[in-house]
Amino acid sequence: MLELGKIQTLKVVKIVDFGVYLADPDLEYKEKLSSEDKVLLPKSQTSESVSVGDKLDVFLYKDSKDRLIATVRTPKVTLGKVAKMKVASVTKIGAFLDWGLEKDLFLPFHEQTYKVREGDEVLAALYIDKSSRLCATMKIYHYLIKESPYQMEDKVEGTLYEISDNFGAFVAVDDKYSALIPKREFTKDLPVGSHVTARVVEVRDDGKLTLAIREKAYMQIASDSDLVMKAIESYDGVLPFNDKASPETIRREMNMSKNEFKRAVGNLLKMGKIEITETSIRLKGDA
């Protein structure tokens, strides 16, 4: 059986001037194979030594005339898998990705999670659309692997591919494993497509990872305190709000949660570097 979008081992069944025809090696040979049973590997993809009966590893896709065709080139992504690819062009009908083959891969507008530009690198999966064409989608949640080799407290890296107001930030660890930074943990102002370094805080029963992009509180407090000090200094020594400010104000101004901000302020207060007034936080004279 010939499978679109997959790498297969096929047998040479006929040699012609413009290439060789390949078929499923398990298919009983017949003098005349139907068009559905064979696929052309163009002459430019073959060698002089190829013979009938030889087996070749090829990838099946469709050419510019929408005909099934084989190639010995290995694409950057295969059916149902996820890979990072560069945007080769953007047109009126959608974008096209460089996936390592002569014909670029179509990324429809409705499968983009943000408006891509030429030269962008995007994380996308390969699927077959309703017209039996190979296309790319940036909506990769259902294509990611649910079981990873990582355990609690492991450091991981990945790509932030979607942000949800309800759940948080979705991350593809190693660009292939499913993970989430919960909303309560996602305090950084990171756009979709960002590279993320995080810590595994939970391995769920279904294998998905829960991540945190900040260290444990006792490890994070020193760097948070430095950030607060720099913020106070940027306001000429008087921060125009204190630790009673709204969570929204603190997140907007400090890119921290209110609890993180309060811990950092408490640490600086204990160290004698600041003083807190009804409406502000001030540097002490000798700070």
C-alpha atoms as a PDB file:
ATOM      1  CA  MET A   1       0.000   0.000   0.000  1.00  0.00           C
ATOM      2  CA  LEU A   2       1.328   3.430  -0.952  1.00  0.00           C
ATOM      3  CA  GLU A   3       1.070   5.860   1.996  1.00  0.00           C
ATOM      4  CA  LEU A   4       1.161   9.599   1.438  1.00  0.00           C
ATOM      5  CA  GLY A   5       3.431  11.534   3.804  1.00  0.00           C
ATOM      6  CA  LYS A   6       5.433   8.544   4.987  1.00  0.00           C
ATOM      7  CA  ILE A   7       8.864   7.044   4.339  1.00  0.00           C
ATOM      8  CA  GLN A   8       8.426   3.552   2.882  1.00  0.00           C
ATOM      9  CA  THR A   9      10.532   0.743   1.502  1.00  0.00           C
ATOM     10  CA  LEU A  10       9.280   0.068  -2.039  1.00  0.00           C
ATOM     11  CA  LYS A  11      10.394  -2.232  -4.837  1.00  0.00           C
ATOM     12  CA  VAL A  12      11.447  -1.175  -8.339  1.00  0.00           C
ATOM     13  CA  VAL A  13       8.937  -2.798 -10.723  1.00  0.00           C
ATOM     14  CA  LYS A  14       9.632  -0.930 -13.956  1.00  0.00           C
ATOM     15  CA  ILE A  15      12.366   1.250 -15.443  1.00  0.00           C
ATOM     16  CA  VAL A  16      11.450   3.973 -17.954  1.00  0.00           C
ATOM     17  CA  ASP A  17      13.309   6.835 -19.643  1.00  0.00           C
ATOM     18  CA  PHE A  18      12.051   9.388 -17.090  1.00  0.00           C
ATOM     19  CA  GLY A  19      12.619   7.347 -13.922  1.00  0.00           C
ATOM     20  CA  VAL A  20      11.524   4.145 -12.215  1.00  0.00           C
ATOM     21  CA  TYR A  21       8.179   2.928 -10.983  1.00  0.00           C
ATOM     22  CA  LEU A  22       7.957   1.611  -7.430  1.00  0.00           C
ATOM     23  CA  ALA A  23       5.390  -0.597  -5.730  1.00  0.00           C
ATOM     24  CA  ASP A  24       4.720  -2.292  -2.406  1.00  0.00           C
ATOM     25  CA  PRO A  25       7.219  -5.190  -2.164  1.00  0.00           C
ATOM     26  CA  ASP A  26       4.480  -7.380  -0.670  1.00  0.00           C
ATOM     27  CA  LEU A  27       2.188  -6.779  -3.624  1.00  0.00           C
ATOM     28  CA  GLU A  28       1.977  -9.742  -5.978  1.00  0.00           C
ATOM     29  CA  TYR A  29       3.699  -8.701  -9.177  1.00  0.00           C
ATOM     30  CA  LYS A  30       1.472  -8.252 -12.207  1.00  0.00           C
ATOM     31  CA  GLU A  31       2.488  -7.344 -15.757  1.00  0.00           C
ATOM     32  CA  LYS A  32       0.398  -4.184 -15.580  1.00  0.00           C
ATOM     33  CA  LEU A  33       0.036  -2.482 -12.245  1.00  0.00           C
ATOM     34  CA  SER A  34      -2.788   0.002 -11.759  1.00  0.00           C
ATOM     35  CA  SER A  35      -1.918   3.655 -11.216  1.00  0.00           C
ATOM     36  CA  GLU A  36      -2.963   3.296  -7.566  1.00  0.00           C
ATOM     37  CA  ASP A  37      -0.424   0.499  -7.037  1.00  0.00           C
ATOM     38  CA  LYS A  38       2.685   2.234  -8.344  1.00  0.00           C
ATOM     39  CA  VAL A  39       4.484   5.554  -7.950  1.00  0.00           C
ATOM     40  CA  LEU A  40       7.143   7.288 -10.016  1.00  0.00           C
ATOM     41  CA  LEU A  41      10.621   8.040  -8.704  1.00  0.00           C
ATOM     42  CA  PRO A  42      11.967  10.646 -11.190  1.00  0.00           C
ATOM     43  CA  LYS A  43      15.178   9.960 -13.058  1.00  0.00           C
ATOM     44  CA  SER A  44      16.945  12.775 -11.198  1.00  0.00           C
ATOM     45  CA  GLN A  45      16.395  10.775  -7.992  1.00  0.00           C
ATOM     46  CA  THR A  46      17.767   7.468  -9.306  1.00  0.00           C
ATOM     47  CA  SER A  47      21.198   6.039 -10.104  1.00  0.00           C
ATOM     48  CA  GLU A  48      22.525   4.194 -13.165  1.00  0.00           C
ATOM     49  CA  SER A  49      22.860   0.974 -11.171  1.00  0.00           C
ATOM     50  CA  VAL A  50      19.201   0.646 -10.132  1.00  0.00           C
ATOM     51  CA  SER A  51      17.515  -2.562 -11.330  1.00  0.00           C
ATOM     52  CA  VAL A  52      14.061  -4.122 -11.288  1.00  0.00           C
ATOM     53  CA  GLY A  53      13.588  -5.837  -7.932  1.00  0.00           C
ATOM     54  CA  ASP A  54      15.766  -3.393  -5.999  1.00  0.00           C
ATOM     55  CA  LYS A  55      14.262  -1.982  -2.809  1.00  0.00           C
ATOM     56  CA  LEU A  56      14.501   1.742  -2.062  1.00  0.00           C
ATOM     57  CA  ASP A  57      13.553   3.874   0.934  1.00  0.00           C
ATOM     58  CA  VAL A  58      11.467   6.772  -0.371  1.00  0.00           C
ATOM     59  CA  PHE A  59       9.096   9.473   0.857  1.00  0.00           C
ATOM     60  CA  LEU A  60       5.738   9.897  -0.880  1.00  0.00           C
ATOM     61  CA  TYR A  61       4.203  13.324  -1.491  1.00  0.00           C
ATOM     62  CA  LYS A  62       2.419  15.157  -4.312  1.00  0.00           C
ATOM     63  CA  ASP A  63       4.025  17.211  -7.053  1.00  0.00           C
ATOM     64  CA  SER A  64       2.910  20.602  -8.420  1.00  0.00           C
ATOM     65  CA  LYS A  65       0.272  18.827 -10.560  1.00  0.00           C
ATOM     66  CA  ASP A  66      -1.135  17.035  -7.498  1.00  0.00           C
ATOM     67  CA  ARG A  67       0.243  13.647  -8.595  1.00  0.00           C
ATOM     68  CA  LEU A  68       1.683  11.154  -6.109  1.00  0.00           C
ATOM     69  CA  ILE A  69       5.464  11.057  -6.465  1.00  0.00           C
ATOM     70  CA  ALA A  70       8.423   9.518  -4.654  1.00  0.00           C
ATOM     71  CA  THR A  71      11.694  11.069  -3.527  1.00  0.00           C
ATOM     72  CA  VAL A  72      14.818   9.662  -1.908  1.00  0.00           C
ATOM     73  CA  ARG A  73      15.265  12.944  -0.042  1.00  0.00           C
ATOM     74  CA  THR A  74      14.338  12.935   3.628  1.00  0.00           C
ATOM     75  CA  PRO A  75      11.873  15.728   4.542  1.00  0.00           C
ATOM     76  CA  LYS A  76      12.125  17.638   7.806  1.00  0.00           C
ATOM     77  CA  VAL A  77       8.741  16.258   8.920  1.00  0.00           C
ATOM     78  CA  THR A  78       6.619  13.188   8.158  1.00  0.00           C
ATOM     79  CA  LEU A  79       2.907  12.503   8.603  1.00  0.00           C
ATOM     80  CA  GLY A  80       1.691  13.066  12.159  1.00  0.00           C
ATOM     81  CA  LYS A  81       5.082  14.321  13.361  1.00  0.00           C
ATOM     82  CA  VAL A  82       6.244  17.772  14.482  1.00  0.00           C
ATOM     83  CA  ALA A  83       9.291  19.730  13.341  1.00  0.00           C
ATOM     84  CA  LYS A  84      10.658  23.258  13.234  1.00  0.00           C
ATOM     85  CA  MET A  85      10.695  24.704   9.712  1.00  0.00           C
ATOM     86  CA  LYS A  86      11.485  28.057   8.129  1.00  0.00           C
ATOM     87  CA  VAL A  87       8.798  30.117   6.365  1.00  0.00           C
ATOM     88  CA  ALA A  88       9.926  30.284   2.731  1.00  0.00           C
ATOM     89  CA  SER A  89       7.190  32.666   1.566  1.00  0.00           C
ATOM     90  CA  VAL A  90       3.840  34.201   2.492  1.00  0.00           C
ATOM     91  CA  THR A  91       1.142  34.581  -0.174  1.00  0.00           C
ATOM     92  CA  LYS A  92      -2.516  35.568  -0.424  1.00  0.00           C
ATOM     93  CA  ILE A  93      -3.610  31.984   0.233  1.00  0.00           C
ATOM     94  CA  GLY A  94      -1.247  31.163   3.108  1.00  0.00           C
ATOM     95  CA  ALA A  95       2.401  30.520   3.910  1.00  0.00           C
ATOM     96  CA  PHE A  96       4.833  27.976   2.514  1.00  0.00           C
ATOM     97  CA  LEU A  97       7.464  26.183   4.598  1.00  0.00           C
ATOM     98  CA  ASP A  98      10.859  24.872   3.566  1.00  0.00           C
ATOM     99  CA  TRP A  99      10.709  21.206   4.515  1.00  0.00           C
ATOM    100  CA  GLY A 100      13.681  19.992   2.492  1.00  0.00           C
ATOM    101  CA  LEU A 101      11.857  19.018  -0.719  1.00  0.00           C
ATOM    102  CA  GLU A 102      11.580  20.734  -4.111  1.00  0.00           C
ATOM    103  CA  LYS A 103       7.956  21.733  -3.502  1.00  0.00           C
ATOM    104  CA  ASP A 104       7.445  23.850  -0.354  1.00  0.00           C
ATOM    105  CA  LEU A 105       4.873  22.742   2.237  1.00  0.00           C
ATOM    106  CA  PHE A 106       1.595  24.690   2.419  1.00  0.00           C
ATOM    107  CA  LEU A 107       0.625  26.239   5.778  1.00  0.00           C
ATOM    108  CA  PRO A 108      -2.963  27.576   5.481  1.00  0.00           C
ATOM    109  CA  PHE A 109      -3.900  30.789   7.280  1.00  0.00           C
ATOM    110  CA  HIS A 110      -6.482  28.928   9.395  1.00  0.00           C
ATOM    111  CA  GLU A 111      -3.769  26.560  10.673  1.00  0.00           C
ATOM    112  CA  GLN A 112      -1.537  29.408  11.910  1.00  0.00           C
ATOM    113  CA  THR A 113      -1.627  30.315  15.600  1.00  0.00           C
ATOM    114  CA  TYR A 114      -0.153  33.732  14.810  1.00  0.00           C
ATOM    115  CA  LYS A 115       0.595  35.635  11.624  1.00  0.00           C
ATOM    116  CA  VAL A 116       3.896  34.289  10.312  1.00  0.00           C
ATOM    117  CA  ARG A 117       6.409  36.203   8.219  1.00  0.00           C
ATOM    118  CA  GLU A 118       8.982  35.102   5.678  1.00  0.00           C
ATOM    119  CA  GLY A 119      12.114  33.897   7.468  1.00  0.00           C
ATOM    120  CA  ASP A 120      10.298  32.902  10.685  1.00  0.00           C
ATOM    121  CA  GLU A 121      10.975  29.475  12.158  1.00  0.00           C
ATOM    122  CA  VAL A 122       7.743  27.777  13.164  1.00  0.00           C
ATOM    123  CA  LEU A 123       6.909  24.530  14.915  1.00  0.00           C
ATOM    124  CA  ALA A 124       4.381  22.630  12.814  1.00  0.00           C
ATOM    125  CA  ALA A 125       2.938  19.173  12.227  1.00  0.00           C
ATOM    126  CA  LEU A 126       2.219  17.424   8.936  1.00  0.00           C
ATOM    127  CA  TYR A 127      -1.353  16.312   8.163  1.00  0.00           C
ATOM    128  CA  ILE A 128      -3.550  15.384   5.188  1.00  0.00           C
ATOM    129  CA  ASP A 129      -6.347  17.870   4.482  1.00  0.00           C
ATOM    130  CA  LYS A 130      -9.848  17.181   3.126  1.00  0.00           C
ATOM    131  CA  SER A 131      -8.538  17.406  -0.434  1.00  0.00           C
ATOM    132  CA  SER A 132      -5.954  14.663   0.256  1.00  0.00           C
ATOM    133  CA  ARG A 133      -3.071  17.144   0.193  1.00  0.00           C
ATOM    134  CA  LEU A 134      -0.166  17.306   2.610  1.00  0.00           C
ATOM    135  CA  CYS A 135      -0.339  20.490   4.678  1.00  0.00           C
ATOM    136  CA  ALA A 136       1.228  21.946   7.801  1.00  0.00           C
ATOM    137  CA  THR A 137      -0.498  23.065  10.994  1.00  0.00           C
ATOM    138  CA  MET A 138       0.825  25.091  13.905  1.00  0.00           C
ATOM    139  CA  LYS A 139      -1.960  23.668  16.088  1.00  0.00           C
ATOM    140  CA  ILE A 140       0.269  20.858  17.330  1.00  0.00           C
ATOM    141  CA  TYR A 141      -1.259  19.910  20.711  1.00  0.00           C
ATOM    142  CA  HIS A 142      -2.681  16.588  19.466  1.00  0.00           C
ATOM    143  CA  TYR A 143       0.517  15.676  17.602  1.00  0.00           C
ATOM    144  CA  LEU A 144       2.905  15.873  20.572  1.00  0.00           C
ATOM    145  CA  ILE A 145       4.195  12.799  22.397  1.00  0.00           C
ATOM    146  CA  LYS A 146       2.584  12.343  25.813  1.00  0.00           C
ATOM    147  CA  GLU A 147       5.323  10.252  27.431  1.00  0.00           C
ATOM    148  CA  SER A 148       8.791  11.721  27.857  1.00  0.00           C
ATOM    149  CA  PRO A 149      12.006  10.501  29.532  1.00  0.00           C
ATOM    150  CA  TYR A 150      11.911  13.376  32.033  1.00  0.00           C
ATOM    151  CA  GLN A 151      11.279  13.232  35.790  1.00  0.00           C
ATOM    152  CA  MET A 152      10.442  15.780  38.499  1.00  0.00           C
ATOM    153  CA  GLU A 153      13.037  18.547  38.954  1.00  0.00           C
ATOM    154  CA  ASP A 154      14.662  17.834  35.580  1.00  0.00           C
ATOM    155  CA  LYS A 155      15.624  20.917  33.587  1.00  0.00           C
ATOM    156  CA  VAL A 156      14.090  20.949  30.104  1.00  0.00           C
ATOM    157  CA  GLU A 157      14.039  23.166  27.029  1.00  0.00           C
ATOM    158  CA  GLY A 158      11.390  23.624  24.394  1.00  0.00           C
ATOM    159  CA  THR A 159       9.238  25.922  22.276  1.00  0.00           C
ATOM    160  CA  LEU A 160       6.242  27.872  23.583  1.00  0.00           C
ATOM    161  CA  TYR A 161       3.617  27.194  20.901  1.00  0.00           C
ATOM    162  CA  GLU A 162       0.328  28.435  22.395  1.00  0.00           C
ATOM    163  CA  ILE A 163      -0.913  30.665  25.228  1.00  0.00           C
ATOM    164  CA  SER A 164      -4.330  30.106  26.820  1.00  0.00           C
ATOM    165  CA  ASP A 165      -6.021  32.643  29.098  1.00  0.00           C
ATOM    166  CA  ASN A 166      -7.585  29.723  30.978  1.00  0.00           C
ATOM    167  CA  PHE A 167      -4.754  27.209  31.236  1.00  0.00           C
ATOM    168  CA  GLY A 168      -1.397  28.951  30.767  1.00  0.00           C
ATOM    169  CA  ALA A 169       1.398  28.383  28.260  1.00  0.00           C
ATOM    170  CA  PHE A 170       1.698  25.209  26.204  1.00  0.00           C
ATOM    171  CA  VAL A 171       5.248  24.059  25.516  1.00  0.00           C
ATOM    172  CA  ALA A 172       6.701  21.421  23.201  1.00  0.00           C
ATOM    173  CA  VAL A 173       9.654  20.098  25.215  1.00  0.00           C
ATOM    174  CA  ASP A 174      12.483  19.147  22.838  1.00  0.00           C
ATOM    175  CA  ASP A 175       9.939  20.226  20.200  1.00  0.00           C
ATOM    176  CA  LYS A 176       8.078  16.921  20.608  1.00  0.00           C
ATOM    177  CA  TYR A 177       6.866  16.245  24.193  1.00  0.00           C
ATOM    178  CA  SER A 178       3.623  17.702  25.567  1.00  0.00           C
ATOM    179  CA  ALA A 179       3.970  20.123  28.497  1.00  0.00           C
ATOM    180  CA  LEU A 180       2.157  22.996  30.194  1.00  0.00           C
ATOM    181  CA  ILE A 181       3.231  25.963  32.281  1.00  0.00           C
ATOM    182  CA  PRO A 182       0.092  26.588  34.400  1.00  0.00           C
ATOM    183  CA  LYS A 183      -1.392  30.059  34.379  1.00  0.00           C
ATOM    184  CA  ARG A 184      -0.319  30.687  37.985  1.00  0.00           C
ATOM    185  CA  GLU A 185       3.307  29.912  37.048  1.00  0.00           C
ATOM    186  CA  PHE A 186       3.399  31.810  33.775  1.00  0.00           C
ATOM    187  CA  THR A 187       4.605  35.203  34.952  1.00  0.00           C
ATOM    188  CA  LYS A 188       6.988  35.971  32.111  1.00  0.00           C
ATOM    189  CA  ASP A 189       6.009  38.131  29.145  1.00  0.00           C
ATOM    190  CA  LEU A 190       6.991  35.587  26.489  1.00  0.00           C
ATOM    191  CA  PRO A 191       5.480  35.520  22.985  1.00  0.00           C
ATOM    192  CA  VAL A 192       4.430  32.387  21.114  1.00  0.00           C
ATOM    193  CA  GLY A 193       7.468  30.854  19.429  1.00  0.00           C
ATOM    194  CA  SER A 194       9.830  31.679  22.304  1.00  0.00           C
ATOM    195  CA  HIS A 195      12.523  29.270  23.433  1.00  0.00           C
ATOM    196  CA  VAL A 196      11.814  28.239  27.026  1.00  0.00           C
ATOM    197  CA  THR A 197      14.035  26.789  29.750  1.00  0.00           C
ATOM    198  CA  ALA A 198      11.985  25.303  32.580  1.00  0.00           C
ATOM    199  CA  ARG A 199      11.844  22.858  35.477  1.00  0.00           C
ATOM    200  CA  VAL A 200       9.587  19.786  35.625  1.00  0.00           C
ATOM    201  CA  VAL A 201       7.313  20.060  38.665  1.00  0.00           C
ATOM    202  CA  GLU A 202       4.964  17.188  37.814  1.00  0.00           C
ATOM    203  CA  VAL A 203       4.734  14.194  35.531  1.00  0.00           C
ATOM    204  CA  ARG A 204       1.009  13.618  35.091  1.00  0.00           C
ATOM    205  CA  ASP A 205      -0.665  10.221  34.953  1.00  0.00           C
ATOM    206  CA  ASP A 206      -1.130  10.626  31.191  1.00  0.00           C
ATOM    207  CA  GLY A 207       2.593  11.349  30.771  1.00  0.00           C
ATOM    208  CA  LYS A 208       2.290  15.070  30.080  1.00  0.00           C
ATOM    209  CA  LEU A 209       4.657  17.406  31.907  1.00  0.00           C
ATOM    210  CA  THR A 210       3.822  20.335  34.152  1.00  0.00           C
ATOM    211  CA  LEU A 211       6.561  22.975  34.121  1.00  0.00           C
ATOM    212  CA  ALA A 212       7.708  26.020  36.056  1.00  0.00           C
ATOM    213  CA  ILE A 213       9.949  28.654  34.514  1.00  0.00           C
ATOM    214  CA  ARG A 214      11.024  29.991  37.868  1.00  0.00           C
ATOM    215  CA  GLU A 215      13.207  28.319  40.458  1.00  0.00           C
ATOM    216  CA  LYS A 216      11.878  27.207  43.852  1.00  0.00           C
ATOM    217  CA  ALA A 217      10.949  30.175  46.033  1.00  0.00           C
ATOM    218  CA  TYR A 218      14.043  30.024  48.266  1.00  0.00           C
ATOM    219  CA  MET A 219      16.297  29.947  45.180  1.00  0.00           C
ATOM    220  CA  GLN A 220      14.371  32.581  43.252  1.00  0.00           C
ATOM    221  CA  ILE A 221      14.152  35.190  45.994  1.00  0.00           C
ATOM    222  CA  ALA A 222      17.668  36.579  45.492  1.00  0.00           C
ATOM    223  CA  SER A 223      17.216  37.265  41.786  1.00  0.00           C
ATOM    224  CA  ASP A 224      13.714  38.678  42.395  1.00  0.00           C
ATOM    225  CA  SER A 225      15.149  41.001  45.040  1.00  0.00           C
ATOM    226  CA  ASP A 226      17.718  42.242  42.522  1.00  0.00           C
ATOM    227  CA  LEU A 227      14.932  42.966  40.035  1.00  0.00           C
ATOM    228  CA  VAL A 228      12.978  44.957  42.616  1.00  0.00           C
ATOM    229  CA  MET A 229      16.088  46.968  43.514  1.00  0.00           C
ATOM    230  CA  LYS A 230      16.718  47.786  39.859  1.00  0.00           C
ATOM    231  CA  ALA A 231      13.076  48.839  39.462  1.00  0.00           C
ATOM    232  CA  ILE A 232      13.299  51.169  42.486  1.00  0.00           C
ATOM    233  CA  GLU A 233      16.528  52.649  41.147  1.00  0.00           C
ATOM    234  CA  SER A 234      14.917  53.225  37.745  1.00  0.00           C
ATOM    235  CA  TYR A 235      12.314  55.379  39.535  1.00  0.00           C
ATOM    236  CA  ASP A 236      15.079  57.499  41.160  1.00  0.00           C
ATOM    237  CA  GLY A 237      14.834  55.582  44.414  1.00  0.00           C
ATOM    238  CA  VAL A 238      11.059  55.712  44.930  1.00  0.00           C
ATOM    239  CA  LEU A 239       8.847  52.965  43.466  1.00  0.00           C
ATOM    240  CA  PRO A 240       5.346  54.520  43.084  1.00  0.00           C
ATOM    241  CA  PHE A 241       3.538  51.500  44.544  1.00  0.00           C
ATOM    242  CA  ASN A 242       4.123  49.025  47.371  1.00  0.00           C
ATOM    243  CA  ASP A 243       3.425  45.364  48.102  1.00  0.00           C
ATOM    244  CA  LYS A 244      -0.273  46.144  48.604  1.00  0.00           C
ATOM    245  CA  ALA A 245      -0.685  47.053  44.930  1.00  0.00           C
ATOM    246  CA  SER A 246      -3.035  44.978  42.792  1.00  0.00           C
ATOM    247  CA  PRO A 247      -1.726  41.748  41.234  1.00  0.00           C
ATOM    248  CA  GLU A 248      -2.357  43.289  37.800  1.00  0.00           C
ATOM    249  CA  THR A 249      -0.161  46.316  38.560  1.00  0.00           C
ATOM    250  CA  ILE A 250       2.638  44.138  39.932  1.00  0.00           C
ATOM    251  CA  ARG A 251       2.544  41.776  36.972  1.00  0.00           C
ATOM    252  CA  ARG A 252       2.507  44.667  34.493  1.00  0.00           C
ATOM    253  CA  GLU A 253       5.327  46.600  36.137  1.00  0.00           C
ATOM    254  CA  MET A 254       7.484  43.798  37.546  1.00  0.00           C
ATOM    255  CA  ASN A 255       6.570  40.713  35.497  1.00  0.00           C
ATOM    256  CA  MET A 256       6.066  38.842  38.804  1.00  0.00           C
ATOM    257  CA  SER A 257       3.163  37.423  40.724  1.00  0.00           C
ATOM    258  CA  LYS A 258       2.073  39.332  43.817  1.00  0.00           C
ATOM    259  CA  ASN A 259       3.453  36.614  46.126  1.00  0.00           C
ATOM    260  CA  GLU A 260       6.841  36.688  44.398  1.00  0.00           C
ATOM    261  CA  PHE A 261       6.938  40.470  44.694  1.00  0.00           C
ATOM    262  CA  LYS A 262       5.990  40.398  48.377  1.00  0.00           C
ATOM    263  CA  ARG A 263       8.703  37.825  49.141  1.00  0.00           C
ATOM    264  CA  ALA A 264      11.327  39.920  47.365  1.00  0.00           C
ATOM    265  CA  VAL A 265      10.213  43.123  49.126  1.00  0.00           C
ATOM    266  CA  GLY A 266      10.218  41.322  52.482  1.00  0.00           C
ATOM    267  CA  ASN A 267      13.752  40.114  51.827  1.00  0.00           C
ATOM    268  CA  LEU A 268      14.967  43.620  50.986  1.00  0.00           C
ATOM    269  CA  LEU A 269      13.201  45.011  54.072  1.00  0.00           C
ATOM    270  CA  LYS A 270      14.885  42.403  56.261  1.00  0.00           C
ATOM    271  CA  MET A 271      18.253  43.345  54.747  1.00  0.00           C
ATOM    272  CA  GLY A 272      17.593  46.981  55.590  1.00  0.00           C
ATOM    273  CA  LYS A 273      17.820  48.189  52.005  1.00  0.00           C
ATOM    274  CA  ILE A 274      14.328  49.699  51.694  1.00  0.00           C
ATOM    275  CA  GLU A 275      11.489  51.241  53.599  1.00  0.00           C
ATOM    276  CA  ILE A 276       7.795  50.956  52.816  1.00  0.00           C
ATOM    277  CA  THR A 277       5.377  53.894  52.956  1.00  0.00           C
ATOM    278  CA  GLU A 278       1.621  54.015  52.445  1.00  0.00           C
ATOM    279  CA  THR A 279       2.018  54.501  48.688  1.00  0.00           C
ATOM    280  CA  SER A 280       5.592  53.590  47.755  1.00  0.00           C
ATOM    281  CA  ILE A 281       8.802  51.696  48.400  1.00  0.00           C
ATOM    282  CA  ARG A 282      11.924  53.793  48.976  1.00  0.00           C
ATOM    283  CA  LEU A 283      15.614  53.089  49.076  1.00  0.00           C
ATOM    284  CA  LYS A 284      17.215  53.742  52.429  1.00  0.00           C
ATOM    285  CA  GLY A 285      19.912  56.326  52.438  1.00  0.00           C
ATOM    286  CA  ASP A 286      22.760  53.842  52.827  1.00  0.00           C
ATOM    287  CA  ALA A 287      21.326  51.203  50.422  1.00  0.00           C
END
